[in-house]
PDB file of N, CA and C in Angstrom:
ATOM      1  N   UNK A   1       3.037 166.515 165.288  1.00  0.00           N
ATOM      2  CA  UNK A   1       2.361 165.986 164.141  1.00  0.00           C
ATOM      3  C   UNK A   1       3.183 166.211 162.871  1.00  0.00           C
ATOM      4  N   UNK A   2       3.803 167.403 162.758  1.00  0.00           N
ATOM      5  CA  UNK A   2       4.607 167.696 161.585  1.00  0.00           C
ATOM      6  C   UNK A   2       5.819 166.781 161.521  1.00  0.00           C
ATOM      7  N   UNK A   3       6.423 166.489 162.635  1.00  0.00           N
ATOM      8  CA  UNK A   3       7.599 165.621 162.662  1.00  0.00           C
ATOM      9  C   UNK A   3       7.233 164.224 162.179  1.00  0.00           C
ATOM     10  N   UNK A   4       6.080 163.724 162.604  1.00  0.00           N
ATOM     11  CA  UNK A   4       5.650 162.400 162.176  1.00  0.00           C
ATOM     12  C   UNK A   4       5.432 162.362 160.657  1.00  0.00           C
ATOM     13  N   UNK A   5       4.801 163.403 160.082  1.00  0.00           N
ATOM     14  CA  UNK A   5       4.592 163.470 158.630  1.00  0.00           C
ATOM     15  C   UNK A   5       5.920 163.556 157.882  1.00  0.00           C
ATOM     16  N   UNK A   6       6.856 164.324 158.425  1.00  0.00           N
ATOM     17  CA  UNK A   6       8.163 164.473 157.786  1.00  0.00           C
ATOM     18  C   UNK A   6       8.914 163.147 157.801  1.00  0.00           C
ATOM     19  N   UNK A   7       8.890 162.457 158.935  1.00  0.00           N
ATOM     20  CA  UNK A   7       9.557 161.159 159.039  1.00  0.00           C
ATOM     21  C   UNK A   7       8.893 160.148 158.102  1.00  0.00           C
ATOM     22  N   UNK A   8       7.582 160.141 158.059  1.00  0.00           N
ATOM     23  CA  UNK A   8       6.865 159.212 157.181  1.00  0.00           C
ATOM     24  C   UNK A   8       7.182 159.489 155.715  1.00  0.00           C
ATOM     25  N   UNK A   9       7.260 160.754 155.334  1.00  0.00           N
ATOM     26  CA  UNK A   9       7.581 161.106 153.947  1.00  0.00           C
ATOM     27  C   UNK A   9       9.015 160.702 153.612  1.00  0.00           C
ATOM     28  N   UNK A  10       9.937 160.944 154.535  1.00  0.00           N
ATOM     29  CA  UNK A  10      11.334 160.573 154.303  1.00  0.00           C
ATOM     30  C   UNK A  10      11.477 159.063 154.194  1.00  0.00           C
ATOM     31  N   UNK A  11      10.811 158.327 155.062  1.00  0.00           N
ATOM     32  CA  UNK A  11      10.860 156.867 155.025  1.00  0.00           C
ATOM     33  C   UNK A  11      10.250 156.340 153.731  1.00  0.00           C
ATOM     34  N   UNK A  12       9.148 156.929 153.289  1.00  0.00           N
ATOM     35  CA  UNK A  12       8.516 156.516 152.033  1.00  0.00           C
ATOM     36  C   UNK A  12       9.430 156.771 150.839  1.00  0.00           C
ATOM     37  N   UNK A  13      10.102 157.912 150.831  1.00  0.00           N
ATOM     38  CA  UNK A  13      11.029 158.226 149.738  1.00  0.00           C
ATOM     39  C   UNK A  13      12.201 157.257 149.728  1.00  0.00           C
ATOM     40  N   UNK A  14      12.699 156.921 150.902  1.00  0.00           N
ATOM     41  CA  UNK A  14      13.805 155.970 151.000  1.00  0.00           C
ATOM     42  C   UNK A  14      13.392 154.593 150.486  1.00  0.00           C
ATOM     43  N   UNK A  15      12.213 154.139 150.860  1.00  0.00           N
ATOM     44  CA  UNK A  15      11.748 152.838 150.409  1.00  0.00           C
ATOM     45  C   UNK A  15      11.501 152.830 148.899  1.00  0.00           C
ATOM     46  N   UNK A  16      10.998 153.925 148.357  1.00  0.00           N
ATOM     47  CA  UNK A  16      10.762 154.019 146.924  1.00  0.00           C
ATOM     48  C   UNK A  16      12.075 153.986 146.152  1.00  0.00           C
ATOM     49  N   UNK A  17      13.070 154.706 146.630  1.00  0.00           N
ATOM     50  CA  UNK A  17      14.358 154.710 145.927  1.00  0.00           C
ATOM     51  C   UNK A  17      15.045 153.351 146.023  1.00  0.00           C
ATOM     52  N   UNK A  18      14.839 152.632 147.099  1.00  0.00           N
ATOM     53  CA  UNK A  18      15.430 151.299 147.230  1.00  0.00           C
ATOM     54  C   UNK A  18      14.728 150.298 146.308  1.00  0.00           C
ATOM     55  N   UNK A  19      13.472 150.547 145.985  1.00  0.00           N
ATOM     56  CA  UNK A  19      12.722 149.625 145.136  1.00  0.00           C
ATOM     57  C   UNK A  19      12.981 149.845 143.655  1.00  0.00           C
ATOM     58  N   UNK A  20      13.530 150.998 143.279  1.00  0.00           N
ATOM     59  CA  UNK A  20      13.797 151.268 141.867  1.00  0.00           C
ATOM     60  C   UNK A  20      14.955 150.407 141.391  1.00  0.00           C
ATOM     61  N   UNK A  21      14.821 149.848 140.203  1.00  0.00           N
ATOM     62  CA  UNK A  21      15.908 149.009 139.700  1.00  0.00           C
ATOM     63  C   UNK A  21      17.118 149.863 139.319  1.00  0.00           C
ATOM     64  N   UNK A  22      18.263 149.332 139.573  1.00  0.00           N
ATOM     65  CA  UNK A  22      19.485 150.008 139.149  1.00  0.00           C
ATOM     66  C   UNK A  22      19.870 149.434 137.799  1.00  0.00           C
ATOM     67  N   UNK A  23      20.524 150.212 136.993  1.00  0.00           N
ATOM     68  CA  UNK A  23      20.908 149.735 135.667  1.00  0.00           C
ATOM     69  C   UNK A  23      22.419 149.586 135.607  1.00  0.00           C
ATOM     70  N   UNK A  24      22.922 148.392 135.887  1.00  0.00           N
ATOM     71  CA  UNK A  24      24.357 148.189 135.827  1.00  0.00           C
ATOM     72  C   UNK A  24      24.842 148.272 134.388  1.00  0.00           C
ATOM     73  N   UNK A  25      26.110 148.568 134.217  1.00  0.00           N
ATOM     74  CA  UNK A  25      26.680 148.628 132.874  1.00  0.00           C
ATOM     75  C   UNK A  25      26.559 147.263 132.220  1.00  0.00           C
ATOM     76  N   UNK A  26      26.072 147.275 131.011  1.00  0.00           N
ATOM     77  CA  UNK A  26      25.886 146.032 130.283  1.00  0.00           C
ATOM     78  C   UNK A  26      27.170 145.683 129.542  1.00  0.00           C
ATOM     79  N   UNK A  27      27.589 144.470 129.677  1.00  0.00           N
ATOM     80  CA  UNK A  27      28.808 144.025 129.002  1.00  0.00           C
ATOM     81  C   UNK A  27      28.599 142.634 128.433  1.00  0.00           C
ATOM     82  N   UNK A  28      29.275 142.389 127.336  1.00  0.00           N
ATOM     83  CA  UNK A  28      29.260 141.052 126.750  1.00  0.00           C
ATOM     84  C   UNK A  28      30.215 140.182 127.562  1.00  0.00           C
ATOM     85  N   UNK A  29      29.823 138.972 127.851  1.00  0.00           N
ATOM     86  CA  UNK A  29      30.697 138.051 128.587  1.00  0.00           C
ATOM     87  C   UNK A  29      31.599 137.326 127.602  1.00  0.00           C
ATOM     88  N   UNK A  30      32.864 137.242 127.931  1.00  0.00           N
ATOM     89  CA  UNK A  30      33.814 136.524 127.085  1.00  0.00           C
ATOM     90  C   UNK A  30      34.835 137.448 126.458  1.00  0.00           C
ATOM     91  N   UNK A  31      35.486 136.931 125.415  1.00  0.00           N
ATOM     92  CA  UNK A  31      36.550 137.675 124.753  1.00  0.00           C
ATOM     93  C   UNK A  31      36.274 137.800 123.255  1.00  0.00           C
ATOM     94  N   UNK A  32      36.678 138.913 122.704  1.00  0.00           N
ATOM     95  CA  UNK A  32      36.669 139.138 121.263  1.00  0.00           C
ATOM     96  C   UNK A  32      38.135 139.214 120.848  1.00  0.00           C
ATOM     97  N   UNK A  33      38.588 138.228 120.101  1.00  0.00           N
ATOM     98  CA  UNK A  33      39.992 138.150 119.710  1.00  0.00           C
ATOM     99  C   UNK A  33      40.174 138.613 118.270  1.00  0.00           C
ATOM    100  N   UNK A  34      41.353 139.122 117.964  1.00  0.00           N
ATOM    101  CA  UNK A  34      41.671 139.578 116.619  1.00  0.00           C
ATOM    102  C   UNK A  34      43.182 139.559 116.449  1.00  0.00           C
ATOM    103  N   UNK A  35      43.617 139.626 115.207  1.00  0.00           N
ATOM    104  CA  UNK A  35      45.048 139.730 114.896  1.00  0.00           C
ATOM    105  C   UNK A  35      45.317 141.123 114.356  1.00  0.00           C
ATOM    106  N   UNK A  36      46.551 141.573 114.510  1.00  0.00           N
ATOM    107  CA  UNK A  36      46.958 142.861 113.965  1.00  0.00           C
ATOM    108  C   UNK A  36      48.447 142.796 113.646  1.00  0.00           C
ATOM    109  N   UNK A  37      48.895 143.719 112.813  1.00  0.00           N
ATOM    110  CA  UNK A  37      50.294 143.762 112.421  1.00  0.00           C
ATOM    111  C   UNK A  37      51.032 144.682 113.388  1.00  0.00           C
ATOM    112  N   UNK A  38      52.002 144.111 114.102  1.00  0.00           N
ATOM    113  CA  UNK A  38      52.792 144.882 115.055  1.00  0.00           C
ATOM    114  C   UNK A  38      54.036 145.465 114.397  1.00  0.00           C
ATOM    115  N   UNK A  39      54.957 145.911 115.222  1.00  0.00           N
ATOM    116  CA  UNK A  39      56.200 146.476 114.706  1.00  0.00           C
ATOM    117  C   UNK A  39      56.976 145.409 113.949  1.00  0.00           C
ATOM    118  N   UNK A  40      57.714 145.827 112.971  1.00  0.00           N
ATOM    119  CA  UNK A  40      58.512 144.938 112.122  1.00  0.00           C
ATOM    120  C   UNK A  40      57.656 143.950 111.337  1.00  0.00           C
ATOM    121  N   UNK A  41      56.350 144.247 111.171  1.00  0.00           N
ATOM    122  CA  UNK A  41      55.491 143.403 110.361  1.00  0.00           C
ATOM    123  C   UNK A  41      55.099 142.084 110.984  1.00  0.00           C
ATOM    124  N   UNK A  42      55.273 141.947 112.277  1.00  0.00           N
ATOM    125  CA  UNK A  42      54.944 140.700 112.978  1.00  0.00           C
ATOM    126  C   UNK A  42      53.449 140.678 113.294  1.00  0.00           C
ATOM    127  N   UNK A  43      52.783 139.564 112.991  1.00  0.00           N
ATOM    128  CA  UNK A  43      51.369 139.402 113.341  1.00  0.00           C
ATOM    129  C   UNK A  43      51.245 139.085 114.825  1.00  0.00           C
ATOM    130  N   UNK A  44      50.400 139.845 115.508  1.00  0.00           N
ATOM    131  CA  UNK A  44      50.175 139.665 116.944  1.00  0.00           C
ATOM    132  C   UNK A  44      48.683 139.470 117.193  1.00  0.00           C
ATOM    133  N   UNK A  45      48.339 138.995 118.389  1.00  0.00           N
ATOM    134  CA  UNK A  45      46.940 138.790 118.772  1.00  0.00           C
ATOM    135  C   UNK A  45      46.543 139.854 119.790  1.00  0.00           C
ATOM    136  N   UNK A  46      45.331 140.358 119.640  1.00  0.00           N
ATOM    137  CA  UNK A  46      44.756 141.296 120.592  1.00  0.00           C
ATOM    138  C   UNK A  46      43.436 140.757 121.098  1.00  0.00           C
ATOM    139  N   UNK A  47      42.941 141.356 122.171  1.00  0.00           N
ATOM    140  CA  UNK A  47      41.682 140.891 122.750  1.00  0.00           C
ATOM    141  C   UNK A  47      40.934 142.042 123.407  1.00  0.00           C
ATOM    142  N   UNK A  48      39.631 141.977 123.301  1.00  0.00           N
ATOM    143  CA  UNK A  48      38.726 142.824 124.074  1.00  0.00           C
ATOM    144  C   UNK A  48      38.035 141.892 125.049  1.00  0.00           C
ATOM    145  N   UNK A  49      38.279 142.078 126.331  1.00  0.00           N
ATOM    146  CA  UNK A  49      37.741 141.187 127.361  1.00  0.00           C
ATOM    147  C   UNK A  49      36.537 141.854 128.018  1.00  0.00           C
ATOM    148  N   UNK A  50      35.420 141.128 128.079  1.00  0.00           N
ATOM    149  CA  UNK A  50      34.170 141.630 128.657  1.00  0.00           C
ATOM    150  C   UNK A  50      33.844 143.016 128.091  1.00  0.00           C
ATOM    151  N   UNK A  51      33.758 143.153 126.763  1.00  0.00           N
ATOM    152  CA  UNK A  51      33.544 144.481 126.170  1.00  0.00           C
ATOM    153  C   UNK A  51      32.153 145.037 126.487  1.00  0.00           C
ATOM    154  N   UNK A  52      32.076 146.363 126.589  1.00  0.00           N
ATOM    155  CA  UNK A  52      30.801 147.028 126.837  1.00  0.00           C
ATOM    156  C   UNK A  52      29.860 146.813 125.659  1.00  0.00           C
ATOM    157  N   UNK A  53      28.593 146.635 125.958  1.00  0.00           N
ATOM    158  CA  UNK A  53      27.580 146.476 124.919  1.00  0.00           C
ATOM    159  C   UNK A  53      27.018 147.836 124.528  1.00  0.00           C
ATOM    160  N   UNK A  54      26.676 147.976 123.260  1.00  0.00           N
ATOM    161  CA  UNK A  54      26.032 149.188 122.795  1.00  0.00           C
ATOM    162  C   UNK A  54      26.949 150.373 122.605  1.00  0.00           C
ATOM    163  N   UNK A  55      28.245 150.184 122.779  1.00  0.00           N
ATOM    164  CA  UNK A  55      29.204 151.275 122.611  1.00  0.00           C
ATOM    165  C   UNK A  55      30.228 150.872 121.566  1.00  0.00           C
ATOM    166  N   UNK A  56      30.521 151.787 120.667  1.00  0.00           N
ATOM    167  CA  UNK A  56      31.528 151.513 119.649  1.00  0.00           C
ATOM    168  C   UNK A  56      32.901 151.448 120.303  1.00  0.00           C
ATOM    169  N   UNK A  57      33.660 150.420 119.975  1.00  0.00           N
ATOM    170  CA  UNK A  57      35.006 150.251 120.513  1.00  0.00           C
ATOM    171  C   UNK A  57      35.984 150.256 119.340  1.00  0.00           C
ATOM    172  N   UNK A  58      36.887 151.218 119.334  1.00  0.00           N
ATOM    173  CA  UNK A  58      37.939 151.237 118.323  1.00  0.00           C
ATOM    174  C   UNK A  58      39.026 150.248 118.731  1.00  0.00           C
ATOM    175  N   UNK A  59      39.498 149.477 117.775  1.00  0.00           N
ATOM    176  CA  UNK A  59      40.576 148.522 118.050  1.00  0.00           C
ATOM    177  C   UNK A  59      41.837 149.350 118.334  1.00  0.00           C
ATOM    178  N   UNK A  60      42.408 149.240 119.537  1.00  0.00           N
ATOM    179  CA  UNK A  60      43.489 150.147 119.935  1.00  0.00           C
ATOM    180  C   UNK A  60      44.729 150.086 119.042  1.00  0.00           C
ATOM    181  N   UNK A  61      45.017 148.943 118.472  1.00  0.00           N
ATOM    182  CA  UNK A  61      46.246 148.780 117.690  1.00  0.00           C
ATOM    183  C   UNK A  61      46.109 149.252 116.245  1.00  0.00           C
ATOM    184  N   UNK A  62      44.948 149.783 115.872  1.00  0.00           N
ATOM    185  CA  UNK A  62      44.718 150.189 114.485  1.00  0.00           C
ATOM    186  C   UNK A  62      44.555 151.694 114.387  1.00  0.00           C
ATOM    187  N   UNK A  63      45.608 152.414 114.640  1.00  0.00           N
ATOM    188  CA  UNK A  63      45.573 153.871 114.528  1.00  0.00           C
ATOM    189  C   UNK A  63      45.457 154.315 113.083  1.00  0.00           C
ATOM    190  N   UNK A  64      45.561 155.607 112.863  1.00  0.00           N
ATOM    191  CA  UNK A  64      45.387 156.176 111.532  1.00  0.00           C
ATOM    192  C   UNK A  64      46.369 155.621 110.507  1.00  0.00           C
ATOM    193  N   UNK A  65      47.610 155.426 110.898  1.00  0.00           N
ATOM    194  CA  UNK A  65      48.615 154.970 109.932  1.00  0.00           C
ATOM    195  C   UNK A  65      48.856 153.460 109.983  1.00  0.00           C
ATOM    196  N   UNK A  66      48.185 152.763 110.866  1.00  0.00           N
ATOM    197  CA  UNK A  66      48.347 151.313 110.991  1.00  0.00           C
ATOM    198  C   UNK A  66      47.325 150.589 110.125  1.00  0.00           C
ATOM    199  N   UNK A  67      47.682 149.404 109.648  1.00  0.00           N
ATOM    200  CA  UNK A  67      46.684 148.625 108.902  1.00  0.00           C
ATOM    201  C   UNK A  67      45.573 148.144 109.832  1.00  0.00           C
ATOM    202  N   UNK A  68      44.411 147.827 109.275  1.00  0.00           N
ATOM    203  CA  UNK A  68      43.313 147.336 110.114  1.00  0.00           C
ATOM    204  C   UNK A  68      43.645 145.976 110.731  1.00  0.00           C
ATOM    205  N   UNK A  69      42.927 145.669 111.797  1.00  0.00           N
ATOM    206  CA  UNK A  69      43.040 144.336 112.403  1.00  0.00           C
ATOM    207  C   UNK A  69      42.352 143.338 111.463  1.00  0.00           C
ATOM    208  N   UNK A  70      42.563 142.050 111.721  1.00  0.00           N
ATOM    209  CA  UNK A  70      41.977 141.021 110.855  1.00  0.00           C
ATOM    210  C   UNK A  70      41.736 139.751 111.656  1.00  0.00           C
ATOM    211  N   UNK A  71      41.057 138.799 111.035  1.00  0.00           N
ATOM    212  CA  UNK A  71      40.771 137.477 111.608  1.00  0.00           C
ATOM    213  C   UNK A  71      40.104 137.550 112.985  1.00  0.00           C
ATOM    214  N   UNK A  72      38.948 138.233 113.088  1.00  0.00           N
ATOM    215  CA  UNK A  72      38.284 138.318 114.392  1.00  0.00           C
ATOM    216  C   UNK A  72      37.645 136.993 114.805  1.00  0.00           C
ATOM    217  N   UNK A  73      37.580 136.807 116.111  1.00  0.00           N
ATOM    218  CA  UNK A  73      36.937 135.635 116.712  1.00  0.00           C
ATOM    219  C   UNK A  73      36.038 136.126 117.829  1.00  0.00           C
ATOM    220  N   UNK A  74      34.760 135.938 117.678  1.00  0.00           N
ATOM    221  CA  UNK A  74      33.798 136.443 118.653  1.00  0.00           C
ATOM    222  C   UNK A  74      33.469 135.366 119.681  1.00  0.00           C
ATOM    223  N   UNK A  75      34.258 135.286 120.718  1.00  0.00           N
ATOM    224  CA  UNK A  75      34.022 134.328 121.798  1.00  0.00           C
ATOM    225  C   UNK A  75      33.268 134.983 122.954  1.00  0.00           C
ATOM    226  N   UNK A  76      32.360 135.915 122.608  1.00  0.00           N
ATOM    227  CA  UNK A  76      31.491 136.521 123.612  1.00  0.00           C
ATOM    228  C   UNK A  76      30.098 135.917 123.474  1.00  0.00           C
ATOM    229  N   UNK A  77      29.212 136.315 124.372  1.00  0.00           N
ATOM    230  CA  UNK A  77      27.828 135.847 124.296  1.00  0.00           C
ATOM    231  C   UNK A  77      26.931 136.850 123.577  1.00  0.00           C
ATOM    232  N   UNK A  78      27.527 137.818 122.888  1.00  0.00           N
ATOM    233  CA  UNK A  78      26.773 138.865 122.198  1.00  0.00           C
ATOM    234  C   UNK A  78      27.100 138.872 120.708  1.00  0.00           C
ATOM    235  N   UNK A  79      26.203 139.417 119.924  1.00  0.00           N
ATOM    236  CA  UNK A  79      26.466 139.625 118.505  1.00  0.00           C
ATOM    237  C   UNK A  79      27.421 140.800 118.364  1.00  0.00           C
ATOM    238  N   UNK A  80      28.436 140.643 117.526  1.00  0.00           N
ATOM    239  CA  UNK A  80      29.415 141.704 117.294  1.00  0.00           C
ATOM    240  C   UNK A  80      29.298 142.178 115.851  1.00  0.00           C
ATOM    241  N   UNK A  81      29.274 143.482 115.667  1.00  0.00           N
ATOM    242  CA  UNK A  81      29.292 144.056 114.325  1.00  0.00           C
ATOM    243  C   UNK A  81      30.635 144.746 114.145  1.00  0.00           C
ATOM    244  N   UNK A  82      31.444 144.203 113.236  1.00  0.00           N
ATOM    245  CA  UNK A  82      32.796 144.712 112.984  1.00  0.00           C
ATOM    246  C   UNK A  82      32.762 145.666 111.796  1.00  0.00           C
ATOM    247  N   UNK A  83      33.383 146.823 111.940  1.00  0.00           N
ATOM    248  CA  UNK A  83      33.420 147.844 110.903  1.00  0.00           C
ATOM    249  C   UNK A  83      34.840 148.006 110.377  1.00  0.00           C
ATOM    250  N   UNK A  84      34.956 148.234 109.087  1.00  0.00           N
ATOM    251  CA  UNK A  84      36.259 148.505 108.486  1.00  0.00           C
ATOM    252  C   UNK A  84      36.793 149.853 108.955  1.00  0.00           C
ATOM    253  N   UNK A  85      35.911 150.834 109.135  1.00  0.00           N
ATOM    254  CA  UNK A  85      36.323 152.173 109.560  1.00  0.00           C
ATOM    255  C   UNK A  85      36.276 152.315 111.074  1.00  0.00           C
ATOM    256  N   UNK A  86      37.039 153.265 111.586  1.00  0.00           N
ATOM    257  CA  UNK A  86      37.018 153.585 113.015  1.00  0.00           C
ATOM    258  C   UNK A  86      35.677 154.218 113.379  1.00  0.00           C
ATOM    259  N   UNK A  87      35.369 154.238 114.650  1.00  0.00           N
ATOM    260  CA  UNK A  87      34.163 154.860 115.202  1.00  0.00           C
ATOM    261  C   UNK A  87      32.875 154.237 114.660  1.00  0.00           C
ATOM    262  N   UNK A  88      32.943 152.971 114.243  1.00  0.00           N
ATOM    263  CA  UNK A  88      31.785 152.239 113.720  1.00  0.00           C
ATOM    264  C   UNK A  88      31.104 153.008 112.605  1.00  0.00           C
ATOM    265  N   UNK A  89      31.927 153.631 111.774  1.00  0.00           N
ATOM    266  CA  UNK A  89      31.457 154.435 110.651  1.00  0.00           C
ATOM    267  C   UNK A  89      31.523 153.632 109.357  1.00  0.00           C
ATOM    268  N   UNK A  90      30.841 154.137 108.369  1.00  0.00           N
ATOM    269  CA  UNK A  90      30.924 153.560 107.038  1.00  0.00           C
ATOM    270  C   UNK A  90      29.904 152.468 106.813  1.00  0.00           C
ATOM    271  N   UNK A  91      29.837 152.052 105.556  1.00  0.00           N
ATOM    272  CA  UNK A  91      28.869 151.024 105.197  1.00  0.00           C
ATOM    273  C   UNK A  91      29.530 149.681 104.913  1.00  0.00           C
ATOM    274  N   UNK A  92      30.798 149.540 105.314  1.00  0.00           N
ATOM    275  CA  UNK A  92      31.482 148.252 105.200  1.00  0.00           C
ATOM    276  C   UNK A  92      31.555 147.652 106.604  1.00  0.00           C
ATOM    277  N   UNK A  93      30.723 146.640 106.844  1.00  0.00           N
ATOM    278  CA  UNK A  93      30.680 145.998 108.163  1.00  0.00           C
ATOM    279  C   UNK A  93      30.299 144.540 107.994  1.00  0.00           C
ATOM    280  N   UNK A  94      30.507 143.765 109.069  1.00  0.00           N
ATOM    281  CA  UNK A  94      30.173 142.345 109.069  1.00  0.00           C
ATOM    282  C   UNK A  94      29.634 141.995 110.449  1.00  0.00           C
ATOM    283  N   UNK A  95      28.505 141.317 110.490  1.00  0.00           N
ATOM    284  CA  UNK A  95      27.897 140.928 111.760  1.00  0.00           C
ATOM    285  C   UNK A  95      28.302 139.501 112.093  1.00  0.00           C
ATOM    286  N   UNK A  96      28.794 139.320 113.335  1.00  0.00           N
ATOM    287  CA  UNK A  96      29.279 138.017 113.793  1.00  0.00           C
ATOM    288  C   UNK A  96      28.404 137.493 114.932  1.00  0.00           C
ATOM    289  N   UNK A  97      27.962 136.270 114.799  1.00  0.00           N
ATOM    290  CA  UNK A  97      27.203 135.611 115.861  1.00  0.00           C
ATOM    291  C   UNK A  97      28.127 135.290 117.041  1.00  0.00           C
ATOM    292  N   UNK A  98      27.573 135.094 118.223  1.00  0.00           N
ATOM    293  CA  UNK A  98      28.393 134.636 119.345  1.00  0.00           C
ATOM    294  C   UNK A  98      29.081 133.323 118.985  1.00  0.00           C
ATOM    295  N   UNK A  99      30.361 133.234 119.258  1.00  0.00           N
ATOM    296  CA  UNK A  99      31.142 132.031 118.982  1.00  0.00           C
ATOM    297  C   UNK A  99      31.678 131.940 117.570  1.00  0.00           C
ATOM    298  N   UNK A 100      31.348 132.890 116.706  1.00  0.00           N
ATOM    299  CA  UNK A 100      31.763 132.812 115.309  1.00  0.00           C
ATOM    300  C   UNK A 100      33.219 133.217 115.118  1.00  0.00           C
ATOM    301  N   UNK A 101      33.917 132.452 114.280  1.00  0.00           N
ATOM    302  CA  UNK A 101      35.307 132.716 113.907  1.00  0.00           C
ATOM    303  C   UNK A 101      35.316 133.063 112.426  1.00  0.00           C
ATOM    304  N   UNK A 102      36.002 134.148 112.067  1.00  0.00           N
ATOM    305  CA  UNK A 102      36.060 134.594 110.678  1.00  0.00           C
ATOM    306  C   UNK A 102      37.506 134.516 110.215  1.00  0.00           C
ATOM    307  N   UNK A 103      37.712 134.221 108.952  1.00  0.00           N
ATOM    308  CA  UNK A 103      39.050 134.066 108.387  1.00  0.00           C
ATOM    309  C   UNK A 103      39.850 135.359 108.335  1.00  0.00           C
ATOM    310  N   UNK A 104      41.050 135.230 107.800  1.00  0.00           N
ATOM    311  CA  UNK A 104      42.008 136.334 107.757  1.00  0.00           C
ATOM    312  C   UNK A 104      41.593 137.474 106.837  1.00  0.00           C
ATOM    313  N   UNK A 105      40.644 137.252 105.958  1.00  0.00           N
ATOM    314  CA  UNK A 105      40.293 138.280 104.977  1.00  0.00           C
ATOM    315  C   UNK A 105      39.463 139.420 105.557  1.00  0.00           C
ATOM    316  N   UNK A 106      38.755 139.190 106.639  1.00  0.00           N
ATOM    317  CA  UNK A 106      37.929 140.254 107.228  1.00  0.00           C
ATOM    318  C   UNK A 106      38.826 141.257 107.945  1.00  0.00           C
ATOM    319  N   UNK A 107      38.682 142.530 107.597  1.00  0.00           N
ATOM    320  CA  UNK A 107      39.455 143.625 108.198  1.00  0.00           C
ATOM    321  C   UNK A 107      38.531 144.463 109.053  1.00  0.00           C
ATOM    322  N   UNK A 108      39.050 144.998 110.159  1.00  0.00           N
ATOM    323  CA  UNK A 108      38.219 145.834 111.044  1.00  0.00           C
ATOM    324  C   UNK A 108      39.078 146.840 111.803  1.00  0.00           C
ATOM    325  N   UNK A 109      38.447 147.967 112.110  1.00  0.00           N
ATOM    326  CA  UNK A 109      39.059 149.008 112.942  1.00  0.00           C
ATOM    327  C   UNK A 109      38.198 149.310 114.169  1.00  0.00           C
ATOM    328  N   UNK A 110      36.939 148.877 114.150  1.00  0.00           N
ATOM    329  CA  UNK A 110      36.047 149.119 115.281  1.00  0.00           C
ATOM    330  C   UNK A 110      34.985 148.027 115.328  1.00  0.00           C
ATOM    331  N   UNK A 111      34.357 147.915 116.499  1.00  0.00           N
ATOM    332  CA  UNK A 111      33.353 146.875 116.704  1.00  0.00           C
ATOM    333  C   UNK A 111      32.349 147.361 117.747  1.00  0.00           C
ATOM    334  N   UNK A 112      31.096 146.925 117.601  1.00  0.00           N
ATOM    335  CA  UNK A 112      30.066 147.211 118.591  1.00  0.00           C
ATOM    336  C   UNK A 112      29.357 145.901 118.911  1.00  0.00           C
ATOM    337  N   UNK A 113      29.031 145.702 120.190  1.00  0.00           N
ATOM    338  CA  UNK A 113      28.379 144.477 120.662  1.00  0.00           C
ATOM    339  C   UNK A 113      26.929 144.788 121.044  1.00  0.00           C
ATOM    340  N   UNK A 114      26.041 143.842 120.735  1.00  0.00           N
ATOM    341  CA  UNK A 114      24.631 144.052 121.082  1.00  0.00           C
ATOM    342  C   UNK A 114      24.121 142.929 121.945  1.00  0.00           C
TER     343      UNK A 114
END
């Protein structure tokens, strides 16, 4: 009798865990493009492909001594909030709709997608 109860409890726990929804990592579909100044002052293009949603992403080419990136293009399906400061800090930011292209004047060091 105890074995039957133990098996039934184990089977019930297994079925319950299989029924619970899993939470896959959420990501914006598409690309977020931007320009940055490379070595010798050459303007280059960078991209964040399928960026994670809800997490601040520092633009890799904009270190402490590098100028900020510029001319972002949000070709993702998510709203992007671009910040002038790293780590999505500060009160200088711009919110971009999905598909929105912004001119060369917008500067950014970090971005978060929602």
